[in-house]
């Protein structure tokens, strides 16, 4: 009791010093936890600026198509119809993006006969909630494909996937477990959501404070504890043997480029690597047209709209 009393009411010089050090340590821990909590909240609940469109006047005559993810309310997607019975390509937007940001790519694919589907992942665009940087988004993509396969105007056995960063992770995860995926193009994809968390955390500059990255990662793992046994996507890449894969990396996002290059290296054939100066979202209109033409050519060769041409 005398020891605890000495800490509460220090009388000796050593006790006063230890009490001061303990107070400093506790304050430092409080600061680290507070900063980590703030950082994690900012990453997982990014600001949303939903874009609204009148589908009745949009080019391509899209229709709304709803599906039900395993978690959360029913989700609305947009289906841009191509040739009847043609495969559907699901376009997956990236982190800090939304479906409205990839409409020009959708139009380019639709003009060549593909059915094209897109929706907003959790915490982005019109969808409220928070993101998991790929864990839950993968199940949302699976649910969308399953629902599309039930339509009579879409080939239920042939799907293509395009995704950027977070959408690319989800696309690779689905491609490694769904035999209906016939072609996949990923842009600045990564191996594990925790790697994207680290990239975004470091970009904030707050990880310069010792311990912040470790606590942030720990909290992210606790929040997503149901996915704790989920292996990195690279461990399942072997299952994509025979599926044409296009990996795109952009030089202006070096951390993600390194991730994508590693995935390309570990992926089985057939595979292609493409390098761009800028990421898709930052390209000029002219560069974006070139990029979209390359994507169209990839899917035309790998997943032609006419089954007889396959």
C-alpha atoms as a PDB file:
ATOM      1  CA  UNK A   1       0.000   0.000   0.000  1.00  0.00           C
ATOM      2  CA  UNK A   2       2.861   2.346   0.772  1.00  0.00           C
ATOM      3  CA  UNK A   3       4.176   1.925  -2.781  1.00  0.00           C
ATOM      4  CA  UNK A   4       0.846   2.964  -4.369  1.00  0.00           C
ATOM      5  CA  UNK A   5       0.528   5.769  -1.861  1.00  0.00           C
ATOM      6  CA  UNK A   6       3.934   7.022  -2.876  1.00  0.00           C
ATOM      7  CA  UNK A   7       2.790   7.194  -6.530  1.00  0.00           C
ATOM      8  CA  UNK A   8      -0.382   9.020  -5.606  1.00  0.00           C
ATOM      9  CA  UNK A   9       1.298  11.437  -3.236  1.00  0.00           C
ATOM     10  CA  UNK A  10       5.011  11.311  -4.143  1.00  0.00           C
ATOM     11  CA  UNK A  11       7.364  12.598  -1.493  1.00  0.00           C
ATOM     12  CA  UNK A  12      10.766  11.358  -2.616  1.00  0.00           C
ATOM     13  CA  UNK A  13      12.615  12.662  -5.637  1.00  0.00           C
ATOM     14  CA  UNK A  14      12.645   9.259  -7.378  1.00  0.00           C
ATOM     15  CA  UNK A  15       8.917   8.801  -6.860  1.00  0.00           C
ATOM     16  CA  UNK A  16       8.215  12.233  -8.279  1.00  0.00           C
ATOM     17  CA  UNK A  17      10.352  11.450 -11.324  1.00  0.00           C
ATOM     18  CA  UNK A  18       8.652   8.095 -11.914  1.00  0.00           C
ATOM     19  CA  UNK A  19       5.232   9.662 -11.521  1.00  0.00           C
ATOM     20  CA  UNK A  20       6.119  12.327 -14.078  1.00  0.00           C
ATOM     21  CA  UNK A  21       7.434   9.725 -16.515  1.00  0.00           C
ATOM     22  CA  UNK A  22       4.294   7.634 -16.095  1.00  0.00           C
ATOM     23  CA  UNK A  23       2.135  10.679 -16.769  1.00  0.00           C
ATOM     24  CA  UNK A  24       4.139  11.454 -19.918  1.00  0.00           C
ATOM     25  CA  UNK A  25       3.830   7.865 -21.155  1.00  0.00           C
ATOM     26  CA  UNK A  26       0.075   7.804 -20.564  1.00  0.00           C
ATOM     27  CA  UNK A  27      -0.326  11.152 -22.305  1.00  0.00           C
ATOM     28  CA  UNK A  28       1.745   9.932 -25.277  1.00  0.00           C
ATOM     29  CA  UNK A  29      -0.387   6.784 -25.525  1.00  0.00           C
ATOM     30  CA  UNK A  30      -3.536   8.888 -25.409  1.00  0.00           C
ATOM     31  CA  UNK A  31      -2.220  11.122 -28.199  1.00  0.00           C
ATOM     32  CA  UNK A  32      -1.224   8.159 -30.379  1.00  0.00           C
ATOM     33  CA  UNK A  33      -4.584   6.447 -29.891  1.00  0.00           C
ATOM     34  CA  UNK A  34      -6.478   9.674 -30.598  1.00  0.00           C
ATOM     35  CA  UNK A  35      -4.502  10.424 -33.753  1.00  0.00           C
ATOM     36  CA  UNK A  36      -4.821   6.813 -34.928  1.00  0.00           C
ATOM     37  CA  UNK A  37      -8.571   6.831 -34.339  1.00  0.00           C
ATOM     38  CA  UNK A  38      -8.964  10.078 -36.245  1.00  0.00           C
ATOM     39  CA  UNK A  39      -6.804   8.801 -39.109  1.00  0.00           C
ATOM     40  CA  UNK A  40      -8.665   5.515 -39.391  1.00  0.00           C
ATOM     41  CA  UNK A  41     -12.032   7.282 -39.388  1.00  0.00           C
ATOM     42  CA  UNK A  42     -10.872   9.618 -42.158  1.00  0.00           C
ATOM     43  CA  UNK A  43      -9.662   6.704 -44.299  1.00  0.00           C
ATOM     44  CA  UNK A  44     -12.651   4.422 -43.811  1.00  0.00           C
ATOM     45  CA  UNK A  45     -15.290   7.148 -44.090  1.00  0.00           C
ATOM     46  CA  UNK A  46     -14.028   9.348 -46.917  1.00  0.00           C
ATOM     47  CA  UNK A  47     -16.101  12.389 -47.886  1.00  0.00           C
ATOM     48  CA  UNK A  48     -18.776  11.534 -50.428  1.00  0.00           C
ATOM     49  CA  UNK A  49     -19.934  13.785 -53.252  1.00  0.00           C
ATOM     50  CA  UNK A  50     -22.609  11.658 -54.943  1.00  0.00           C
ATOM     51  CA  UNK A  51     -23.161  12.445 -58.608  1.00  0.00           C
ATOM     52  CA  UNK A  52     -26.762  12.303 -59.772  1.00  0.00           C
ATOM     53  CA  UNK A  53     -27.860  11.569 -63.321  1.00  0.00           C
ATOM     54  CA  UNK A  54     -31.112  11.304 -65.208  1.00  0.00           C
ATOM     55  CA  UNK A  55     -30.780   7.883 -66.830  1.00  0.00           C
ATOM     56  CA  UNK A  56     -33.548   8.669 -69.303  1.00  0.00           C
ATOM     57  CA  UNK A  57     -31.306  11.163 -71.093  1.00  0.00           C
ATOM     58  CA  UNK A  58     -27.958   9.394 -70.709  1.00  0.00           C
ATOM     59  CA  UNK A  59     -26.176   7.989 -73.729  1.00  0.00           C
ATOM     60  CA  UNK A  60     -26.256   4.225 -73.943  1.00  0.00           C
ATOM     61  CA  UNK A  61     -29.773   3.944 -72.511  1.00  0.00           C
ATOM     62  CA  UNK A  62     -28.764   2.462 -69.150  1.00  0.00           C
ATOM     63  CA  UNK A  63     -31.289   0.854 -66.835  1.00  0.00           C
ATOM     64  CA  UNK A  64     -31.200   0.469 -63.084  1.00  0.00           C
ATOM     65  CA  UNK A  65     -30.601  -3.021 -61.784  1.00  0.00           C
ATOM     66  CA  UNK A  66     -30.727  -3.786 -58.077  1.00  0.00           C
ATOM     67  CA  UNK A  67     -28.934  -6.531 -56.217  1.00  0.00           C
ATOM     68  CA  UNK A  68     -28.560  -7.491 -52.568  1.00  0.00           C
ATOM     69  CA  UNK A  69     -25.082  -7.561 -50.995  1.00  0.00           C
ATOM     70  CA  UNK A  70     -24.520  -9.907 -48.036  1.00  0.00           C
ATOM     71  CA  UNK A  71     -24.402  -6.874 -45.740  1.00  0.00           C
ATOM     72  CA  UNK A  72     -26.378  -3.667 -45.934  1.00  0.00           C
ATOM     73  CA  UNK A  73     -29.448  -2.626 -47.894  1.00  0.00           C
ATOM     74  CA  UNK A  74     -30.260  -3.404 -51.494  1.00  0.00           C
ATOM     75  CA  UNK A  75     -27.822  -1.780 -53.901  1.00  0.00           C
ATOM     76  CA  UNK A  76     -28.684   0.014 -57.123  1.00  0.00           C
ATOM     77  CA  UNK A  77     -26.463  -0.429 -60.155  1.00  0.00           C
ATOM     78  CA  UNK A  78     -26.540   0.762 -63.734  1.00  0.00           C
ATOM     79  CA  UNK A  79     -26.630  -1.719 -66.603  1.00  0.00           C
ATOM     80  CA  UNK A  80     -25.610  -0.421 -70.008  1.00  0.00           C
ATOM     81  CA  UNK A  81     -27.026  -2.975 -72.477  1.00  0.00           C
ATOM     82  CA  UNK A  82     -24.928  -4.349 -75.305  1.00  0.00           C
ATOM     83  CA  UNK A  83     -25.660  -7.217 -77.658  1.00  0.00           C
ATOM     84  CA  UNK A  84     -28.290  -9.542 -76.264  1.00  0.00           C
ATOM     85  CA  UNK A  85     -26.612 -12.556 -74.706  1.00  0.00           C
ATOM     86  CA  UNK A  86     -23.185 -10.913 -74.724  1.00  0.00           C
ATOM     87  CA  UNK A  87     -20.962 -11.160 -71.645  1.00  0.00           C
ATOM     88  CA  UNK A  88     -21.196  -8.462 -69.000  1.00  0.00           C
ATOM     89  CA  UNK A  89     -18.164  -6.507 -67.903  1.00  0.00           C
ATOM     90  CA  UNK A  90     -18.407  -5.198 -64.353  1.00  0.00           C
ATOM     91  CA  UNK A  91     -16.517  -1.939 -63.962  1.00  0.00           C
ATOM     92  CA  UNK A  92     -15.254  -1.434 -60.403  1.00  0.00           C
ATOM     93  CA  UNK A  93     -14.296   2.087 -59.355  1.00  0.00           C
ATOM     94  CA  UNK A  94     -11.483   2.749 -56.931  1.00  0.00           C
ATOM     95  CA  UNK A  95     -10.980   4.280 -53.516  1.00  0.00           C
ATOM     96  CA  UNK A  96     -12.130   7.928 -53.273  1.00  0.00           C
ATOM     97  CA  UNK A  97     -14.024   7.456 -56.521  1.00  0.00           C
ATOM     98  CA  UNK A  98     -17.537   6.464 -57.651  1.00  0.00           C
ATOM     99  CA  UNK A  99     -19.322   4.865 -60.586  1.00  0.00           C
ATOM    100  CA  UNK A 100     -19.887   8.237 -62.270  1.00  0.00           C
ATOM    101  CA  UNK A 101     -16.107   8.647 -62.656  1.00  0.00           C
ATOM    102  CA  UNK A 102     -15.750   5.718 -65.074  1.00  0.00           C
ATOM    103  CA  UNK A 103     -18.638   6.406 -67.433  1.00  0.00           C
ATOM    104  CA  UNK A 104     -16.448   7.081 -70.468  1.00  0.00           C
ATOM    105  CA  UNK A 105     -14.860   3.636 -70.132  1.00  0.00           C
ATOM    106  CA  UNK A 106     -18.335   2.130 -69.790  1.00  0.00           C
ATOM    107  CA  UNK A 107     -19.467   3.848 -72.984  1.00  0.00           C
ATOM    108  CA  UNK A 108     -16.415   2.640 -74.905  1.00  0.00           C
ATOM    109  CA  UNK A 109     -17.066  -0.971 -73.872  1.00  0.00           C
ATOM    110  CA  UNK A 110     -20.792  -0.771 -74.586  1.00  0.00           C
ATOM    111  CA  UNK A 111     -20.170   0.594 -78.085  1.00  0.00           C
ATOM    112  CA  UNK A 112     -18.393  -2.662 -78.910  1.00  0.00           C
ATOM    113  CA  UNK A 113     -21.269  -4.903 -77.889  1.00  0.00           C
ATOM    114  CA  UNK A 114     -20.552  -5.616 -74.231  1.00  0.00           C
ATOM    115  CA  UNK A 115     -23.123  -5.383 -71.493  1.00  0.00           C
ATOM    116  CA  UNK A 116     -21.539  -3.169 -68.837  1.00  0.00           C
ATOM    117  CA  UNK A 117     -22.503  -2.933 -65.186  1.00  0.00           C
ATOM    118  CA  UNK A 118     -21.301  -0.587 -62.475  1.00  0.00           C
ATOM    119  CA  UNK A 119     -22.291   0.387 -58.954  1.00  0.00           C
ATOM    120  CA  UNK A 120     -20.962   2.316 -55.966  1.00  0.00           C
ATOM    121  CA  UNK A 121     -19.008   0.408 -53.337  1.00  0.00           C
ATOM    122  CA  UNK A 122     -19.780   0.993 -49.655  1.00  0.00           C
ATOM    123  CA  UNK A 123     -18.829   4.430 -48.400  1.00  0.00           C
ATOM    124  CA  UNK A 124     -18.531   5.845 -51.906  1.00  0.00           C
ATOM    125  CA  UNK A 125     -20.814   7.787 -54.220  1.00  0.00           C
ATOM    126  CA  UNK A 126     -24.459   7.144 -53.452  1.00  0.00           C
ATOM    127  CA  UNK A 127     -23.734   4.343 -50.979  1.00  0.00           C
ATOM    128  CA  UNK A 128     -23.484   5.325 -47.339  1.00  0.00           C
ATOM    129  CA  UNK A 129     -21.482   3.572 -44.653  1.00  0.00           C
ATOM    130  CA  UNK A 130     -17.774   2.906 -44.479  1.00  0.00           C
ATOM    131  CA  UNK A 131     -15.273   1.150 -46.696  1.00  0.00           C
ATOM    132  CA  UNK A 132     -13.165  -1.863 -45.770  1.00  0.00           C
ATOM    133  CA  UNK A 133     -10.681  -1.141 -48.589  1.00  0.00           C
ATOM    134  CA  UNK A 134     -11.593  -4.367 -50.336  1.00  0.00           C
ATOM    135  CA  UNK A 135     -12.777  -6.993 -47.859  1.00  0.00           C
ATOM    136  CA  UNK A 136     -16.510  -6.295 -47.942  1.00  0.00           C
ATOM    137  CA  UNK A 137     -16.281  -4.835 -51.428  1.00  0.00           C
ATOM    138  CA  UNK A 138     -15.320  -8.276 -52.727  1.00  0.00           C
ATOM    139  CA  UNK A 139     -18.573  -9.768 -51.455  1.00  0.00           C
ATOM    140  CA  UNK A 140     -20.492  -6.859 -52.987  1.00  0.00           C
ATOM    141  CA  UNK A 141     -18.935  -7.608 -56.370  1.00  0.00           C
ATOM    142  CA  UNK A 142     -19.746 -11.304 -56.037  1.00  0.00           C
ATOM    143  CA  UNK A 143     -23.373 -10.448 -55.257  1.00  0.00           C
ATOM    144  CA  UNK A 144     -23.583  -8.197 -58.315  1.00  0.00           C
ATOM    145  CA  UNK A 145     -22.257 -10.935 -60.617  1.00  0.00           C
ATOM    146  CA  UNK A 146     -24.625 -13.508 -59.152  1.00  0.00           C
ATOM    147  CA  UNK A 147     -27.597 -11.210 -59.730  1.00  0.00           C
ATOM    148  CA  UNK A 148     -26.531 -10.371 -63.281  1.00  0.00           C
ATOM    149  CA  UNK A 149     -26.202 -14.067 -64.099  1.00  0.00           C
ATOM    150  CA  UNK A 150     -29.926 -14.401 -63.510  1.00  0.00           C
ATOM    151  CA  UNK A 151     -30.835 -12.026 -66.333  1.00  0.00           C
ATOM    152  CA  UNK A 152     -31.920 -13.434 -69.699  1.00  0.00           C
ATOM    153  CA  UNK A 153     -30.100 -10.765 -71.738  1.00  0.00           C
ATOM    154  CA  UNK A 154     -26.630 -11.459 -70.314  1.00  0.00           C
ATOM    155  CA  UNK A 155     -24.389 -14.469 -70.883  1.00  0.00           C
ATOM    156  CA  UNK A 156     -24.533 -16.133 -67.435  1.00  0.00           C
ATOM    157  CA  UNK A 157     -21.270 -18.007 -67.970  1.00  0.00           C
ATOM    158  CA  UNK A 158     -18.934 -15.252 -69.201  1.00  0.00           C
ATOM    159  CA  UNK A 159     -18.032 -12.117 -67.276  1.00  0.00           C
ATOM    160  CA  UNK A 160     -15.224  -9.617 -67.491  1.00  0.00           C
ATOM    161  CA  UNK A 161     -13.887  -7.445 -64.692  1.00  0.00           C
ATOM    162  CA  UNK A 162     -12.104  -4.100 -64.700  1.00  0.00           C
ATOM    163  CA  UNK A 163     -11.029  -2.472 -61.457  1.00  0.00           C
ATOM    164  CA  UNK A 164      -8.738   0.231 -60.148  1.00  0.00           C
ATOM    165  CA  UNK A 165      -6.899  -0.001 -56.797  1.00  0.00           C
ATOM    166  CA  UNK A 166      -9.654  -1.089 -54.354  1.00  0.00           C
ATOM    167  CA  UNK A 167     -11.814  -2.263 -57.248  1.00  0.00           C
ATOM    168  CA  UNK A 168      -8.806  -4.077 -58.669  1.00  0.00           C
ATOM    169  CA  UNK A 169      -8.258  -5.959 -55.421  1.00  0.00           C
ATOM    170  CA  UNK A 170     -11.917  -7.025 -55.356  1.00  0.00           C
ATOM    171  CA  UNK A 171     -11.771  -8.045 -59.015  1.00  0.00           C
ATOM    172  CA  UNK A 172      -8.712 -10.253 -58.486  1.00  0.00           C
ATOM    173  CA  UNK A 173     -10.300 -11.856 -55.430  1.00  0.00           C
ATOM    174  CA  UNK A 174     -13.465 -12.709 -57.363  1.00  0.00           C
ATOM    175  CA  UNK A 175     -11.556 -13.906 -60.431  1.00  0.00           C
ATOM    176  CA  UNK A 176      -9.624 -16.371 -58.278  1.00  0.00           C
ATOM    177  CA  UNK A 177     -12.817 -18.027 -57.007  1.00  0.00           C
ATOM    178  CA  UNK A 178     -15.423 -17.653 -59.778  1.00  0.00           C
ATOM    179  CA  UNK A 179     -15.075 -19.793 -62.907  1.00  0.00           C
ATOM    180  CA  UNK A 180     -17.402 -17.474 -64.813  1.00  0.00           C
ATOM    181  CA  UNK A 181     -14.747 -14.777 -65.030  1.00  0.00           C
ATOM    182  CA  UNK A 182     -13.268 -14.908 -68.522  1.00  0.00           C
ATOM    183  CA  UNK A 183     -11.012 -11.840 -68.522  1.00  0.00           C
ATOM    184  CA  UNK A 184      -9.761  -9.325 -65.994  1.00  0.00           C
ATOM    185  CA  UNK A 185      -8.013  -5.953 -66.199  1.00  0.00           C
ATOM    186  CA  UNK A 186      -6.737  -4.299 -63.020  1.00  0.00           C
ATOM    187  CA  UNK A 187      -5.201  -0.873 -62.620  1.00  0.00           C
ATOM    188  CA  UNK A 188      -2.924  -0.074 -59.648  1.00  0.00           C
ATOM    189  CA  UNK A 189      -4.207  -3.097 -57.743  1.00  0.00           C
ATOM    190  CA  UNK A 190      -2.809  -4.286 -54.414  1.00  0.00           C
ATOM    191  CA  UNK A 191      -2.354  -7.566 -52.598  1.00  0.00           C
ATOM    192  CA  UNK A 192      -4.029  -6.869 -49.257  1.00  0.00           C
ATOM    193  CA  UNK A 193      -6.342  -4.125 -47.899  1.00  0.00           C
ATOM    194  CA  UNK A 194      -3.862  -3.478 -45.100  1.00  0.00           C
ATOM    195  CA  UNK A 195      -1.339  -2.382 -47.700  1.00  0.00           C
ATOM    196  CA  UNK A 196      -3.782   0.193 -49.031  1.00  0.00           C
ATOM    197  CA  UNK A 197      -4.413   1.302 -45.457  1.00  0.00           C
ATOM    198  CA  UNK A 198      -0.683   1.868 -44.974  1.00  0.00           C
ATOM    199  CA  UNK A 199      -0.390   3.788 -48.248  1.00  0.00           C
ATOM    200  CA  UNK A 200      -3.264   6.106 -47.339  1.00  0.00           C
ATOM    201  CA  UNK A 201      -2.069   6.515 -43.753  1.00  0.00           C
ATOM    202  CA  UNK A 202       1.428   7.512 -44.853  1.00  0.00           C
ATOM    203  CA  UNK A 203      -0.011   9.897 -47.408  1.00  0.00           C
ATOM    204  CA  UNK A 204      -1.668  11.793 -44.560  1.00  0.00           C
ATOM    205  CA  UNK A 205       1.694  12.494 -42.911  1.00  0.00           C
ATOM    206  CA  UNK A 206       0.350  11.510 -39.478  1.00  0.00           C
ATOM    207  CA  UNK A 207       2.364   8.295 -39.363  1.00  0.00           C
ATOM    208  CA  UNK A 208       5.456  10.400 -38.657  1.00  0.00           C
ATOM    209  CA  UNK A 209       4.301  10.195 -35.036  1.00  0.00           C
ATOM    210  CA  UNK A 210       5.778   6.980 -33.581  1.00  0.00           C
ATOM    211  CA  UNK A 211       3.250   4.232 -33.013  1.00  0.00           C
ATOM    212  CA  UNK A 212       0.440   5.723 -35.097  1.00  0.00           C
ATOM    213  CA  UNK A 213       0.785   3.280 -38.001  1.00  0.00           C
ATOM    214  CA  UNK A 214       0.954   0.286 -35.682  1.00  0.00           C
ATOM    215  CA  UNK A 215      -2.136   1.335 -33.705  1.00  0.00           C
ATOM    216  CA  UNK A 216      -4.037   2.254 -36.866  1.00  0.00           C
ATOM    217  CA  UNK A 217      -3.298  -1.139 -38.404  1.00  0.00           C
ATOM    218  CA  UNK A 218      -4.290  -2.908 -35.189  1.00  0.00           C
ATOM    219  CA  UNK A 219      -7.604  -1.036 -35.028  1.00  0.00           C
ATOM    220  CA  UNK A 220      -8.291  -1.762 -38.699  1.00  0.00           C
ATOM    221  CA  UNK A 221      -7.717  -5.448 -38.021  1.00  0.00           C
ATOM    222  CA  UNK A 222     -10.064  -5.385 -35.045  1.00  0.00           C
ATOM    223  CA  UNK A 223     -12.810  -3.665 -37.038  1.00  0.00           C
ATOM    224  CA  UNK A 224     -12.442  -6.265 -39.790  1.00  0.00           C
ATOM    225  CA  UNK A 225     -11.827  -9.223 -37.508  1.00  0.00           C
ATOM    226  CA  UNK A 226     -14.298 -11.336 -39.495  1.00  0.00           C
ATOM    227  CA  UNK A 227     -11.791 -11.215 -42.382  1.00  0.00           C
ATOM    228  CA  UNK A 228      -8.738 -12.022 -40.243  1.00  0.00           C
ATOM    229  CA  UNK A 229      -8.237 -15.364 -41.982  1.00  0.00           C
ATOM    230  CA  UNK A 230      -8.490 -13.852 -45.464  1.00  0.00           C
ATOM    231  CA  UNK A 231      -5.137 -14.460 -47.210  1.00  0.00           C
ATOM    232  CA  UNK A 232      -3.523 -11.936 -49.561  1.00  0.00           C
ATOM    233  CA  UNK A 233      -4.857 -12.205 -53.092  1.00  0.00           C
ATOM    234  CA  UNK A 234      -1.431 -13.317 -54.356  1.00  0.00           C
ATOM    235  CA  UNK A 235      -1.882 -16.668 -52.614  1.00  0.00           C
ATOM    236  CA  UNK A 236      -4.870 -17.405 -54.835  1.00  0.00           C
ATOM    237  CA  UNK A 237      -3.554 -15.987 -58.084  1.00  0.00           C
ATOM    238  CA  UNK A 238      -2.614 -19.479 -59.217  1.00  0.00           C
ATOM    239  CA  UNK A 239      -6.307 -20.187 -59.652  1.00  0.00           C
ATOM    240  CA  UNK A 240      -6.465 -17.633 -62.463  1.00  0.00           C
ATOM    241  CA  UNK A 241      -4.399 -19.893 -64.724  1.00  0.00           C
ATOM    242  CA  UNK A 242      -5.848 -19.630 -68.220  1.00  0.00           C
ATOM    243  CA  UNK A 243      -7.746 -16.380 -67.569  1.00  0.00           C
ATOM    244  CA  UNK A 244      -6.375 -13.472 -69.651  1.00  0.00           C
ATOM    245  CA  UNK A 245      -5.121 -10.803 -67.250  1.00  0.00           C
ATOM    246  CA  UNK A 246      -4.043  -7.232 -67.941  1.00  0.00           C
ATOM    247  CA  UNK A 247      -2.113  -5.468 -65.182  1.00  0.00           C
ATOM    248  CA  UNK A 248      -1.787  -1.694 -65.507  1.00  0.00           C
ATOM    249  CA  UNK A 249       0.527   0.348 -63.325  1.00  0.00           C
ATOM    250  CA  UNK A 250       0.898   4.124 -63.299  1.00  0.00           C
ATOM    251  CA  UNK A 251       4.155   5.887 -62.572  1.00  0.00           C
ATOM    252  CA  UNK A 252       2.504   8.669 -60.567  1.00  0.00           C
ATOM    253  CA  UNK A 253       1.411   6.206 -57.869  1.00  0.00           C
ATOM    254  CA  UNK A 254       4.713   4.445 -57.089  1.00  0.00           C
ATOM    255  CA  UNK A 255       3.554   2.589 -53.975  1.00  0.00           C
ATOM    256  CA  UNK A 256       0.632   1.027 -55.812  1.00  0.00           C
ATOM    257  CA  UNK A 257       2.741   0.471 -58.929  1.00  0.00           C
ATOM    258  CA  UNK A 258       5.110  -1.695 -56.897  1.00  0.00           C
ATOM    259  CA  UNK A 259       2.147  -3.674 -55.599  1.00  0.00           C
ATOM    260  CA  UNK A 260       0.767  -4.188 -59.102  1.00  0.00           C
ATOM    261  CA  UNK A 261       4.142  -5.214 -60.500  1.00  0.00           C
ATOM    262  CA  UNK A 262       4.522  -7.812 -57.770  1.00  0.00           C
ATOM    263  CA  UNK A 263       1.062  -9.197 -58.523  1.00  0.00           C
ATOM    264  CA  UNK A 264       1.905  -9.371 -62.215  1.00  0.00           C
ATOM    265  CA  UNK A 265       5.137 -11.218 -61.448  1.00  0.00           C
ATOM    266  CA  UNK A 266       3.344 -13.825 -59.327  1.00  0.00           C
ATOM    267  CA  UNK A 267       0.315 -14.251 -61.625  1.00  0.00           C
ATOM    268  CA  UNK A 268       0.177 -17.250 -63.975  1.00  0.00           C
ATOM    269  CA  UNK A 269      -0.192 -16.906 -67.732  1.00  0.00           C
ATOM    270  CA  UNK A 270      -1.773 -15.523 -69.796  1.00  0.00           C
ATOM    271  CA  UNK A 271      -0.897 -12.057 -68.558  1.00  0.00           C
ATOM    272  CA  UNK A 272       0.129  -8.665 -69.892  1.00  0.00           C
ATOM    273  CA  UNK A 273       1.758  -5.687 -68.200  1.00  0.00           C
ATOM    274  CA  UNK A 274       1.029  -2.126 -69.253  1.00  0.00           C
ATOM    275  CA  UNK A 275       2.735   0.987 -67.889  1.00  0.00           C
ATOM    276  CA  UNK A 276       1.194   4.458 -67.966  1.00  0.00           C
ATOM    277  CA  UNK A 277       2.592   7.823 -66.965  1.00  0.00           C
ATOM    278  CA  UNK A 278      -0.532   8.773 -65.012  1.00  0.00           C
ATOM    279  CA  UNK A 279      -3.319   6.988 -63.193  1.00  0.00           C
ATOM    280  CA  UNK A 280      -6.643   6.690 -64.974  1.00  0.00           C
ATOM    281  CA  UNK A 281      -8.366   9.296 -62.813  1.00  0.00           C
ATOM    282  CA  UNK A 282      -5.689  11.921 -63.553  1.00  0.00           C
ATOM    283  CA  UNK A 283      -5.304  11.334 -67.296  1.00  0.00           C
ATOM    284  CA  UNK A 284      -6.033  14.005 -69.856  1.00  0.00           C
ATOM    285  CA  UNK A 285      -9.005  13.441 -72.149  1.00  0.00           C
ATOM    286  CA  UNK A 286      -6.715  12.356 -74.960  1.00  0.00           C
ATOM    287  CA  UNK A 287      -4.728   9.921 -72.817  1.00  0.00           C
ATOM    288  CA  UNK A 288      -7.940   8.539 -71.392  1.00  0.00           C
ATOM    289  CA  UNK A 289      -9.265   7.808 -74.891  1.00  0.00           C
ATOM    290  CA  UNK A 290      -6.084   5.891 -75.677  1.00  0.00           C
ATOM    291  CA  UNK A 291      -6.320   3.988 -72.397  1.00  0.00           C
ATOM    292  CA  UNK A 292      -9.969   3.088 -72.973  1.00  0.00           C
ATOM    293  CA  UNK A 293      -9.204   1.914 -76.494  1.00  0.00           C
ATOM    294  CA  UNK A 294      -6.570  -0.423 -75.041  1.00  0.00           C
ATOM    295  CA  UNK A 295      -9.086  -1.795 -72.542  1.00  0.00           C
ATOM    296  CA  UNK A 296     -11.653  -2.358 -75.286  1.00  0.00           C
ATOM    297  CA  UNK A 297      -9.110  -4.221 -77.421  1.00  0.00           C
ATOM    298  CA  UNK A 298      -8.103  -6.390 -74.475  1.00  0.00           C
ATOM    299  CA  UNK A 299     -11.677  -7.470 -73.767  1.00  0.00           C
ATOM    300  CA  UNK A 300     -12.520  -7.925 -77.449  1.00  0.00           C
ATOM    301  CA  UNK A 301      -9.620 -10.346 -77.807  1.00  0.00           C
ATOM    302  CA  UNK A 302     -10.129 -12.105 -74.479  1.00  0.00           C
ATOM    303  CA  UNK A 303     -13.904 -12.120 -74.148  1.00  0.00           C
ATOM    304  CA  UNK A 304     -15.545 -11.384 -77.525  1.00  0.00           C
ATOM    305  CA  UNK A 305     -19.221 -10.373 -77.340  1.00  0.00           C
ATOM    306  CA  UNK A 306     -20.156 -13.150 -79.738  1.00  0.00           C
ATOM    307  CA  UNK A 307     -19.683 -16.570 -78.148  1.00  0.00           C
ATOM    308  CA  UNK A 308     -19.063 -18.063 -81.568  1.00  0.00           C
ATOM    309  CA  UNK A 309     -16.053 -15.781 -81.979  1.00  0.00           C
ATOM    310  CA  UNK A 310     -14.439 -17.133 -78.822  1.00  0.00           C
END
